[in-house]
């Protein structure tokens, strides 16, 4: 009789490059518990491994194709006699999925937030160039655009650029 749970999950970047991950958890999960874990995932399949105590292998450095999500389905669980490869137990995993249900999209890991920050700064910079080229027709648009981007930065907990003389650093 198997005493542990093998869980396989897939990381797939925006260019569709794939990296399988495997974790062996101490203890077993019933079919009902496995279904509950899947139900806790975003869209019934996506989750962020690090938020539930699992390591995830991706592709080296973070690029614009990367994101924190991995894919999981019912077929990715099996019972095994293999020794645990992670410290989180099957029961702890279930509790962590429950705690993150409905919160996956608002969770951003530090390595991804720097990539997001870089993209937002690029947008701010490119918009600033447009404003300087056609200042008269774009003043009202610019304030709304900058305010929306700053709200995004605040929502993600990222540093907000300082405003000096009407321009952002």
N, C-alpha and C. Protein backbone atom coordinates (compact mmCIF):
# COMPACT_ATOMS: atom_id res chain seq x y z
N UNK A 1 0.84 -1.19 0.00
CA UNK A 1 0.00 0.00 0.00
C UNK A 1 0.88 1.25 0.00
N UNK A 2 0.60 2.18 -0.93
CA UNK A 2 1.39 3.41 -1.06
C UNK A 2 1.13 4.32 0.14
N UNK A 3 2.16 5.03 0.52
CA UNK A 3 2.03 5.90 1.68
C UNK A 3 2.19 7.38 1.35
N UNK A 4 2.59 7.68 0.13
CA UNK A 4 2.84 9.07 -0.25
C UNK A 4 2.13 9.43 -1.54
N UNK A 5 2.15 10.72 -1.86
CA UNK A 5 1.49 11.22 -3.07
C UNK A 5 2.51 11.85 -4.00
N UNK A 6 2.48 11.40 -5.25
CA UNK A 6 3.31 12.00 -6.29
C UNK A 6 2.42 13.00 -7.03
N UNK A 7 2.92 14.22 -7.18
CA UNK A 7 2.17 15.28 -7.84
C UNK A 7 3.04 15.84 -8.97
N UNK A 8 2.54 15.77 -10.19
CA UNK A 8 3.24 16.32 -11.35
C UNK A 8 2.49 17.56 -11.81
N UNK A 9 3.23 18.61 -12.11
CA UNK A 9 2.60 19.83 -12.60
C UNK A 9 3.47 20.45 -13.68
N UNK A 10 2.82 21.17 -14.58
CA UNK A 10 3.46 21.66 -15.79
C UNK A 10 3.61 23.18 -15.76
N UNK A 11 4.84 23.64 -16.05
CA UNK A 11 5.05 25.06 -16.31
C UNK A 11 5.10 25.22 -17.82
N UNK A 12 4.31 26.16 -18.35
CA UNK A 12 4.27 26.43 -19.79
C UNK A 12 4.37 27.94 -19.96
N UNK A 13 5.44 28.41 -20.62
CA UNK A 13 5.57 29.86 -20.78
C UNK A 13 4.72 30.34 -21.96
N UNK A 14 4.73 31.64 -22.20
CA UNK A 14 3.89 32.24 -23.25
C UNK A 14 4.27 31.78 -24.65
N UNK A 15 5.49 31.27 -24.83
CA UNK A 15 5.91 30.73 -26.13
C UNK A 15 5.64 29.23 -26.23
N UNK A 16 4.95 28.69 -25.25
CA UNK A 16 4.56 27.28 -25.18
C UNK A 16 5.73 26.32 -24.93
N UNK A 17 6.84 26.82 -24.37
CA UNK A 17 7.91 25.94 -23.91
C UNK A 17 7.42 25.32 -22.61
N UNK A 18 7.68 24.03 -22.42
CA UNK A 18 7.13 23.30 -21.27
C UNK A 18 8.22 22.71 -20.39
N UNK A 19 7.95 22.73 -19.10
CA UNK A 19 8.86 22.14 -18.11
C UNK A 19 8.01 21.41 -17.07
N UNK A 20 8.16 20.09 -16.99
CA UNK A 20 7.43 19.31 -15.99
C UNK A 20 8.14 19.38 -14.65
N UNK A 21 7.35 19.41 -13.59
CA UNK A 21 7.83 19.40 -12.22
C UNK A 21 7.20 18.23 -11.50
N UNK A 22 7.93 17.64 -10.57
CA UNK A 22 7.42 16.51 -9.78
C UNK A 22 7.75 16.75 -8.32
N UNK A 23 6.76 16.51 -7.46
CA UNK A 23 6.96 16.59 -6.02
C UNK A 23 6.33 15.36 -5.39
N UNK A 24 7.03 14.74 -4.44
CA UNK A 24 6.46 13.63 -3.68
C UNK A 24 6.17 14.16 -2.29
N UNK A 25 4.90 14.08 -1.91
CA UNK A 25 4.42 14.58 -0.62
C UNK A 25 4.24 13.44 0.36
N UNK A 26 4.56 13.69 1.61
CA UNK A 26 4.30 12.69 2.64
C UNK A 26 2.80 12.60 2.87
N UNK A 27 2.27 11.38 2.82
CA UNK A 27 0.84 11.17 3.02
C UNK A 27 0.11 11.04 1.71
N UNK A 28 -1.14 10.62 1.82
CA UNK A 28 -1.94 10.43 0.61
C UNK A 28 -3.13 11.38 0.61
N UNK A 29 -3.68 11.59 -0.58
CA UNK A 29 -4.86 12.41 -0.78
C UNK A 29 -5.96 11.53 -1.35
N UNK A 30 -7.16 11.69 -0.82
CA UNK A 30 -8.29 10.96 -1.39
C UNK A 30 -8.67 11.60 -2.72
N UNK A 31 -9.49 10.93 -3.50
CA UNK A 31 -9.96 11.50 -4.76
C UNK A 31 -10.74 12.78 -4.49
N UNK A 32 -11.51 12.81 -3.43
CA UNK A 32 -12.27 14.01 -3.07
C UNK A 32 -11.32 15.17 -2.73
N UNK A 33 -10.25 14.91 -2.02
CA UNK A 33 -9.27 15.95 -1.69
C UNK A 33 -8.55 16.45 -2.95
N UNK A 34 -8.26 15.55 -3.86
CA UNK A 34 -7.63 15.94 -5.13
C UNK A 34 -8.56 16.85 -5.92
N UNK A 35 -9.85 16.49 -5.96
CA UNK A 35 -10.83 17.32 -6.65
C UNK A 35 -10.91 18.71 -6.01
N UNK A 36 -10.84 18.74 -4.68
CA UNK A 36 -10.89 20.03 -3.99
C UNK A 36 -9.67 20.88 -4.35
N UNK A 37 -8.50 20.28 -4.44
CA UNK A 37 -7.30 21.01 -4.85
C UNK A 37 -7.49 21.59 -6.24
N UNK A 38 -7.98 20.79 -7.17
CA UNK A 38 -8.23 21.28 -8.54
C UNK A 38 -9.26 22.41 -8.52
N UNK A 39 -10.28 22.28 -7.70
CA UNK A 39 -11.31 23.30 -7.58
C UNK A 39 -10.75 24.61 -7.03
N UNK A 40 -9.70 24.53 -6.23
CA UNK A 40 -9.06 25.74 -5.67
C UNK A 40 -8.19 26.46 -6.69
N UNK A 41 -7.81 25.78 -7.76
CA UNK A 41 -6.96 26.39 -8.80
C UNK A 41 -7.73 27.43 -9.59
N UNK A 42 -7.02 28.40 -10.12
CA UNK A 42 -7.62 29.40 -10.99
C UNK A 42 -8.08 28.70 -12.26
N UNK A 43 -9.31 28.92 -12.65
CA UNK A 43 -9.92 28.26 -13.83
C UNK A 43 -9.81 26.74 -13.74
N UNK A 44 -9.75 26.20 -12.53
CA UNK A 44 -9.72 24.75 -12.33
C UNK A 44 -8.45 24.09 -12.82
N UNK A 45 -7.36 24.88 -12.97
CA UNK A 45 -6.12 24.26 -13.46
C UNK A 45 -4.84 25.02 -13.12
N UNK A 46 -4.89 26.34 -12.91
CA UNK A 46 -3.67 27.13 -12.72
C UNK A 46 -3.44 27.46 -11.24
N UNK A 47 -2.18 27.35 -10.83
CA UNK A 47 -1.81 27.68 -9.45
C UNK A 47 -0.36 28.15 -9.43
N UNK A 48 0.05 28.75 -8.32
CA UNK A 48 1.42 29.22 -8.15
C UNK A 48 2.08 28.30 -7.11
N UNK A 49 2.97 27.40 -7.56
CA UNK A 49 3.55 26.39 -6.66
C UNK A 49 4.18 26.96 -5.40
N UNK A 50 4.92 28.05 -5.54
CA UNK A 50 5.62 28.61 -4.40
C UNK A 50 4.66 29.05 -3.29
N UNK A 51 3.43 29.40 -3.64
CA UNK A 51 2.46 29.83 -2.64
C UNK A 51 1.89 28.67 -1.83
N UNK A 52 2.10 27.45 -2.30
CA UNK A 52 1.62 26.28 -1.55
C UNK A 52 2.78 25.43 -1.05
N UNK A 53 3.99 25.97 -1.11
CA UNK A 53 5.15 25.28 -0.55
C UNK A 53 5.86 24.32 -1.48
N UNK A 54 5.61 24.45 -2.78
CA UNK A 54 6.26 23.57 -3.75
C UNK A 54 7.28 24.35 -4.58
N UNK A 55 8.44 23.77 -4.81
CA UNK A 55 9.39 24.42 -5.71
C UNK A 55 8.95 24.19 -7.16
N UNK A 56 9.30 25.10 -8.03
CA UNK A 56 8.95 24.95 -9.44
C UNK A 56 10.16 25.27 -10.29
N UNK A 57 10.44 24.41 -11.25
CA UNK A 57 11.52 24.65 -12.20
C UNK A 57 10.92 25.32 -13.42
N UNK A 58 11.54 26.42 -13.82
CA UNK A 58 11.12 27.12 -15.03
C UNK A 58 12.31 27.14 -15.98
N UNK A 59 12.58 28.23 -16.64
CA UNK A 59 13.66 28.27 -17.63
C UNK A 59 14.70 29.34 -17.30
N UNK A 60 15.50 29.14 -16.30
CA UNK A 60 16.59 30.08 -16.00
C UNK A 60 16.09 31.46 -15.66
N UNK A 61 16.54 32.47 -16.40
CA UNK A 61 16.19 33.85 -16.09
C UNK A 61 14.77 34.17 -16.55
N UNK A 62 14.16 35.14 -15.89
CA UNK A 62 12.79 35.54 -16.20
C UNK A 62 12.78 36.47 -17.41
N UNK A 63 11.88 36.16 -18.36
CA UNK A 63 11.71 36.99 -19.56
C UNK A 63 10.26 37.44 -19.63
N UNK A 64 9.92 38.19 -20.69
CA UNK A 64 8.53 38.63 -20.85
C UNK A 64 7.57 37.47 -21.12
N UNK A 65 8.09 36.29 -21.47
CA UNK A 65 7.25 35.12 -21.69
C UNK A 65 6.89 34.39 -20.39
N UNK A 66 7.55 34.76 -19.30
CA UNK A 66 7.36 34.03 -18.05
C UNK A 66 6.25 34.61 -17.18
N UNK A 67 5.72 33.77 -16.34
CA UNK A 67 4.67 34.10 -15.39
C UNK A 67 4.79 33.10 -14.25
N UNK A 68 4.10 33.30 -13.14
CA UNK A 68 4.28 32.40 -11.99
C UNK A 68 3.43 31.13 -12.02
N UNK A 69 2.51 31.00 -12.96
CA UNK A 69 1.54 29.90 -12.92
C UNK A 69 2.04 28.57 -13.48
N UNK A 70 1.57 27.49 -12.86
CA UNK A 70 1.75 26.13 -13.39
C UNK A 70 0.37 25.52 -13.57
N UNK A 71 0.33 24.41 -14.32
CA UNK A 71 -0.93 23.73 -14.62
C UNK A 71 -1.01 22.42 -13.85
N UNK A 72 -2.22 22.10 -13.41
CA UNK A 72 -2.45 20.88 -12.63
C UNK A 72 -3.82 20.31 -12.99
N UNK A 73 -3.91 18.98 -13.10
CA UNK A 73 -5.21 18.34 -13.32
C UNK A 73 -5.28 17.06 -12.49
N UNK A 74 -6.45 16.46 -12.44
CA UNK A 74 -6.67 15.26 -11.62
C UNK A 74 -5.69 14.13 -11.97
N UNK A 75 -5.35 14.00 -13.24
CA UNK A 75 -4.45 12.93 -13.67
C UNK A 75 -3.01 13.12 -13.19
N UNK A 76 -2.71 14.29 -12.63
CA UNK A 76 -1.34 14.59 -12.20
C UNK A 76 -1.03 14.11 -10.79
N UNK A 77 -1.96 13.42 -10.14
CA UNK A 77 -1.74 12.86 -8.81
C UNK A 77 -1.67 11.34 -8.90
N UNK A 78 -0.76 10.75 -8.14
CA UNK A 78 -0.73 9.29 -8.04
C UNK A 78 -0.15 8.91 -6.69
N UNK A 79 -0.47 7.72 -6.24
CA UNK A 79 0.11 7.23 -4.99
C UNK A 79 1.44 6.57 -5.30
N UNK A 80 2.37 6.66 -4.33
CA UNK A 80 3.71 6.13 -4.54
C UNK A 80 4.32 5.68 -3.22
N UNK A 81 5.28 4.77 -3.33
CA UNK A 81 6.08 4.37 -2.17
C UNK A 81 7.37 5.18 -2.09
N UNK A 82 7.59 6.05 -3.04
CA UNK A 82 8.80 6.86 -3.06
C UNK A 82 8.84 7.79 -1.83
N UNK A 83 10.06 8.12 -1.43
CA UNK A 83 10.26 9.01 -0.28
C UNK A 83 9.87 10.45 -0.66
N UNK A 84 9.37 11.24 0.30
CA UNK A 84 9.02 12.63 0.02
C UNK A 84 10.22 13.42 -0.50
N UNK A 85 9.94 14.32 -1.45
CA UNK A 85 10.98 15.19 -2.00
C UNK A 85 10.79 16.64 -1.55
N UNK A 86 9.69 16.92 -0.87
CA UNK A 86 9.39 18.26 -0.35
C UNK A 86 8.98 18.13 1.12
N UNK A 87 9.05 19.23 1.83
CA UNK A 87 8.71 19.18 3.26
C UNK A 87 7.22 19.31 3.53
N UNK A 88 6.46 19.85 2.59
CA UNK A 88 5.03 20.00 2.78
C UNK A 88 4.36 18.63 2.68
N UNK A 89 3.42 18.35 3.59
CA UNK A 89 2.71 17.08 3.57
C UNK A 89 1.46 17.21 2.69
N UNK A 90 0.85 16.09 2.38
CA UNK A 90 -0.36 16.10 1.57
C UNK A 90 -1.46 16.92 2.24
N UNK A 91 -1.63 16.76 3.55
CA UNK A 91 -2.66 17.51 4.28
C UNK A 91 -2.35 19.01 4.29
N UNK A 92 -1.08 19.37 4.48
CA UNK A 92 -0.69 20.79 4.46
C UNK A 92 -0.92 21.39 3.07
N UNK A 93 -0.63 20.62 2.04
CA UNK A 93 -0.85 21.09 0.67
C UNK A 93 -2.31 21.45 0.46
N UNK A 94 -3.20 20.57 0.88
CA UNK A 94 -4.63 20.81 0.75
C UNK A 94 -5.02 22.10 1.48
N UNK A 95 -4.53 22.29 2.68
CA UNK A 95 -4.83 23.51 3.44
C UNK A 95 -4.31 24.75 2.74
N UNK A 96 -3.13 24.67 2.14
CA UNK A 96 -2.55 25.83 1.44
C UNK A 96 -3.32 26.16 0.17
N UNK A 97 -3.80 25.13 -0.54
CA UNK A 97 -4.64 25.39 -1.71
C UNK A 97 -5.93 26.07 -1.26
N UNK A 98 -6.53 25.59 -0.18
CA UNK A 98 -7.75 26.21 0.34
C UNK A 98 -7.51 27.69 0.67
N UNK A 99 -6.38 27.98 1.29
CA UNK A 99 -6.06 29.35 1.69
C UNK A 99 -5.85 30.27 0.49
N UNK A 100 -5.45 29.73 -0.65
CA UNK A 100 -5.17 30.55 -1.83
C UNK A 100 -6.31 30.57 -2.84
N UNK A 101 -7.36 29.83 -2.60
CA UNK A 101 -8.47 29.78 -3.54
C UNK A 101 -9.00 31.18 -3.82
N UNK A 102 -9.10 31.52 -5.10
CA UNK A 102 -9.61 32.83 -5.50
C UNK A 102 -8.60 33.96 -5.37
N UNK A 103 -7.37 33.65 -4.98
CA UNK A 103 -6.36 34.69 -4.77
C UNK A 103 -5.16 34.55 -5.70
N UNK A 104 -5.17 33.58 -6.59
CA UNK A 104 -4.00 33.32 -7.43
C UNK A 104 -3.62 34.52 -8.28
N UNK A 105 -4.58 35.20 -8.89
CA UNK A 105 -4.25 36.28 -9.82
C UNK A 105 -3.63 37.49 -9.13
N UNK A 106 -3.98 37.71 -7.87
CA UNK A 106 -3.42 38.87 -7.18
C UNK A 106 -2.06 38.57 -6.55
N UNK A 107 -1.61 37.35 -6.70
CA UNK A 107 -0.33 36.96 -6.11
C UNK A 107 0.78 37.10 -7.14
N UNK A 108 1.78 37.91 -6.82
CA UNK A 108 2.90 38.11 -7.73
C UNK A 108 4.18 37.83 -6.96
N UNK A 109 5.01 36.97 -7.48
CA UNK A 109 6.28 36.64 -6.84
C UNK A 109 7.33 37.67 -7.19
N UNK A 110 8.31 37.91 -6.31
CA UNK A 110 9.31 38.96 -6.55
C UNK A 110 10.02 38.87 -7.90
N UNK A 111 10.38 37.67 -8.35
CA UNK A 111 11.12 37.58 -9.61
C UNK A 111 10.27 38.01 -10.80
N UNK A 112 8.95 37.95 -10.68
CA UNK A 112 8.08 38.38 -11.77
C UNK A 112 7.72 39.85 -11.63
N UNK A 113 7.69 40.37 -10.41
CA UNK A 113 7.33 41.77 -10.22
C UNK A 113 8.38 42.69 -10.83
N UNK A 114 9.66 42.30 -10.82
CA UNK A 114 10.68 43.15 -11.43
C UNK A 114 10.49 43.22 -12.95
N UNK A 115 10.08 42.12 -13.56
CA UNK A 115 9.82 42.12 -15.00
C UNK A 115 8.60 42.99 -15.31
N UNK A 116 7.58 42.94 -14.45
CA UNK A 116 6.40 43.77 -14.63
C UNK A 116 6.77 45.24 -14.46
N UNK A 117 7.56 45.53 -13.44
CA UNK A 117 7.99 46.90 -13.19
C UNK A 117 8.74 47.46 -14.41
N UNK A 118 9.61 46.65 -15.00
CA UNK A 118 10.36 47.09 -16.17
C UNK A 118 9.41 47.42 -17.32
N UNK A 119 8.41 46.58 -17.57
CA UNK A 119 7.45 46.84 -18.65
C UNK A 119 6.65 48.12 -18.39
N UNK A 120 6.21 48.32 -17.14
CA UNK A 120 5.45 49.53 -16.82
C UNK A 120 6.31 50.76 -17.02
N UNK A 121 7.57 50.69 -16.60
CA UNK A 121 8.47 51.83 -16.80
C UNK A 121 8.70 52.11 -18.28
N UNK A 122 8.78 51.06 -19.10
CA UNK A 122 8.91 51.25 -20.54
C UNK A 122 7.68 51.95 -21.10
N UNK A 123 6.49 51.56 -20.62
CA UNK A 123 5.26 52.22 -21.07
C UNK A 123 5.24 53.68 -20.65
N UNK A 124 5.64 53.95 -19.41
CA UNK A 124 5.69 55.34 -18.95
C UNK A 124 6.66 56.16 -19.80
N UNK A 125 7.83 55.59 -20.08
CA UNK A 125 8.82 56.29 -20.89
C UNK A 125 8.32 56.57 -22.30
N UNK A 126 7.72 55.56 -22.94
CA UNK A 126 7.24 55.75 -24.30
C UNK A 126 6.09 56.74 -24.34
N UNK A 127 5.23 56.71 -23.33
CA UNK A 127 4.13 57.65 -23.28
C UNK A 127 4.65 59.07 -23.07
N UNK A 128 5.69 59.23 -22.26
CA UNK A 128 6.28 60.55 -22.02
C UNK A 128 6.80 61.14 -23.33
N UNK A 129 7.43 60.31 -24.17
CA UNK A 129 7.92 60.78 -25.47
C UNK A 129 6.76 61.27 -26.33
N UNK A 130 5.64 60.53 -26.32
CA UNK A 130 4.46 60.94 -27.08
C UNK A 130 3.90 62.25 -26.57
N UNK A 131 3.90 62.43 -25.27
CA UNK A 131 3.37 63.65 -24.68
C UNK A 131 4.18 64.86 -25.09
N UNK A 132 5.48 64.72 -25.07
CA UNK A 132 6.33 65.84 -25.43
C UNK A 132 6.16 66.21 -26.90
N UNK A 133 5.89 65.23 -27.76
CA UNK A 133 5.73 65.49 -29.19
C UNK A 133 4.41 66.20 -29.49
N UNK A 134 3.37 65.95 -28.69
CA UNK A 134 2.05 66.51 -28.96
C UNK A 134 1.38 66.91 -27.65
N UNK A 135 2.01 67.78 -26.91
CA UNK A 135 1.58 68.13 -25.56
C UNK A 135 0.17 68.72 -25.50
N UNK A 136 -0.21 69.56 -26.44
CA UNK A 136 -1.50 70.25 -26.38
C UNK A 136 -2.69 69.29 -26.43
N UNK A 137 -2.62 68.26 -27.24
CA UNK A 137 -3.78 67.38 -27.41
C UNK A 137 -3.80 66.19 -26.45
N UNK A 138 -2.73 66.02 -25.68
CA UNK A 138 -2.68 64.80 -24.89
C UNK A 138 -2.62 65.01 -23.38
N UNK A 139 -2.75 66.24 -22.89
CA UNK A 139 -2.63 66.47 -21.46
C UNK A 139 -3.67 65.70 -20.64
N UNK A 140 -4.95 65.76 -21.03
CA UNK A 140 -5.99 65.05 -20.26
C UNK A 140 -5.79 63.54 -20.33
N UNK A 141 -5.45 63.03 -21.50
CA UNK A 141 -5.22 61.60 -21.67
C UNK A 141 -4.04 61.14 -20.80
N UNK A 142 -2.98 61.94 -20.78
CA UNK A 142 -1.75 61.56 -20.08
C UNK A 142 -1.99 61.39 -18.59
N UNK A 143 -2.72 62.29 -17.97
CA UNK A 143 -2.96 62.17 -16.53
C UNK A 143 -3.71 60.88 -16.21
N UNK A 144 -4.74 60.56 -17.00
CA UNK A 144 -5.49 59.32 -16.77
C UNK A 144 -4.63 58.09 -17.00
N UNK A 145 -3.80 58.13 -18.02
CA UNK A 145 -2.91 57.01 -18.34
C UNK A 145 -1.92 56.77 -17.22
N UNK A 146 -1.27 57.86 -16.78
CA UNK A 146 -0.30 57.72 -15.69
C UNK A 146 -0.97 57.25 -14.41
N UNK A 147 -2.14 57.81 -14.11
CA UNK A 147 -2.85 57.40 -12.89
C UNK A 147 -3.20 55.92 -12.92
N UNK A 148 -3.62 55.42 -14.08
CA UNK A 148 -3.96 53.99 -14.20
C UNK A 148 -2.72 53.13 -13.99
N UNK A 149 -1.61 53.52 -14.59
CA UNK A 149 -0.38 52.74 -14.42
C UNK A 149 0.11 52.78 -12.97
N UNK A 150 -0.02 53.93 -12.34
CA UNK A 150 0.39 54.03 -10.93
C UNK A 150 -0.50 53.19 -10.04
N UNK A 151 -1.80 53.11 -10.35
CA UNK A 151 -2.70 52.23 -9.60
C UNK A 151 -2.27 50.77 -9.74
N UNK A 152 -1.85 50.39 -10.95
CA UNK A 152 -1.37 49.01 -11.17
C UNK A 152 -0.13 48.76 -10.33
N UNK A 153 0.82 49.68 -10.35
CA UNK A 153 2.03 49.51 -9.54
C UNK A 153 1.69 49.38 -8.07
N UNK A 154 0.82 50.25 -7.58
CA UNK A 154 0.42 50.18 -6.17
C UNK A 154 -0.24 48.86 -5.85
N UNK A 155 -1.13 48.41 -6.73
CA UNK A 155 -1.84 47.14 -6.51
C UNK A 155 -0.90 45.95 -6.46
N UNK A 156 0.20 46.02 -7.20
CA UNK A 156 1.17 44.93 -7.21
C UNK A 156 2.22 45.09 -6.12
N UNK A 157 2.15 46.21 -5.37
CA UNK A 157 3.12 46.44 -4.31
C UNK A 157 4.50 46.81 -4.84
N UNK A 158 4.54 47.39 -6.04
CA UNK A 158 5.81 47.78 -6.65
C UNK A 158 6.10 49.24 -6.36
N UNK A 159 7.38 49.64 -6.44
CA UNK A 159 7.72 51.04 -6.19
C UNK A 159 7.08 51.96 -7.23
N UNK A 160 6.59 53.08 -6.77
CA UNK A 160 5.96 54.06 -7.65
C UNK A 160 6.98 55.14 -7.97
N UNK A 161 7.19 55.44 -9.28
CA UNK A 161 8.15 56.48 -9.64
C UNK A 161 7.70 57.83 -9.08
N UNK A 162 8.66 58.66 -8.71
CA UNK A 162 8.37 59.98 -8.18
C UNK A 162 7.99 60.93 -9.30
N UNK A 163 7.16 61.90 -8.98
CA UNK A 163 6.72 62.90 -9.97
C UNK A 163 7.42 64.21 -9.66
N UNK A 164 8.11 64.78 -10.64
CA UNK A 164 8.81 66.05 -10.49
C UNK A 164 8.41 66.96 -11.64
N UNK A 165 7.94 68.15 -11.31
CA UNK A 165 7.57 69.13 -12.33
C UNK A 165 6.61 68.55 -13.38
N UNK A 166 5.68 67.72 -12.93
CA UNK A 166 4.70 67.15 -13.83
C UNK A 166 5.16 65.92 -14.60
N UNK A 167 6.41 65.49 -14.39
CA UNK A 167 6.94 64.33 -15.10
C UNK A 167 7.35 63.26 -14.11
N UNK A 168 7.28 62.00 -14.52
CA UNK A 168 7.67 60.88 -13.68
C UNK A 168 9.11 60.49 -13.94
N UNK A 169 9.83 60.14 -12.86
CA UNK A 169 11.22 59.67 -13.01
C UNK A 169 11.24 58.32 -13.68
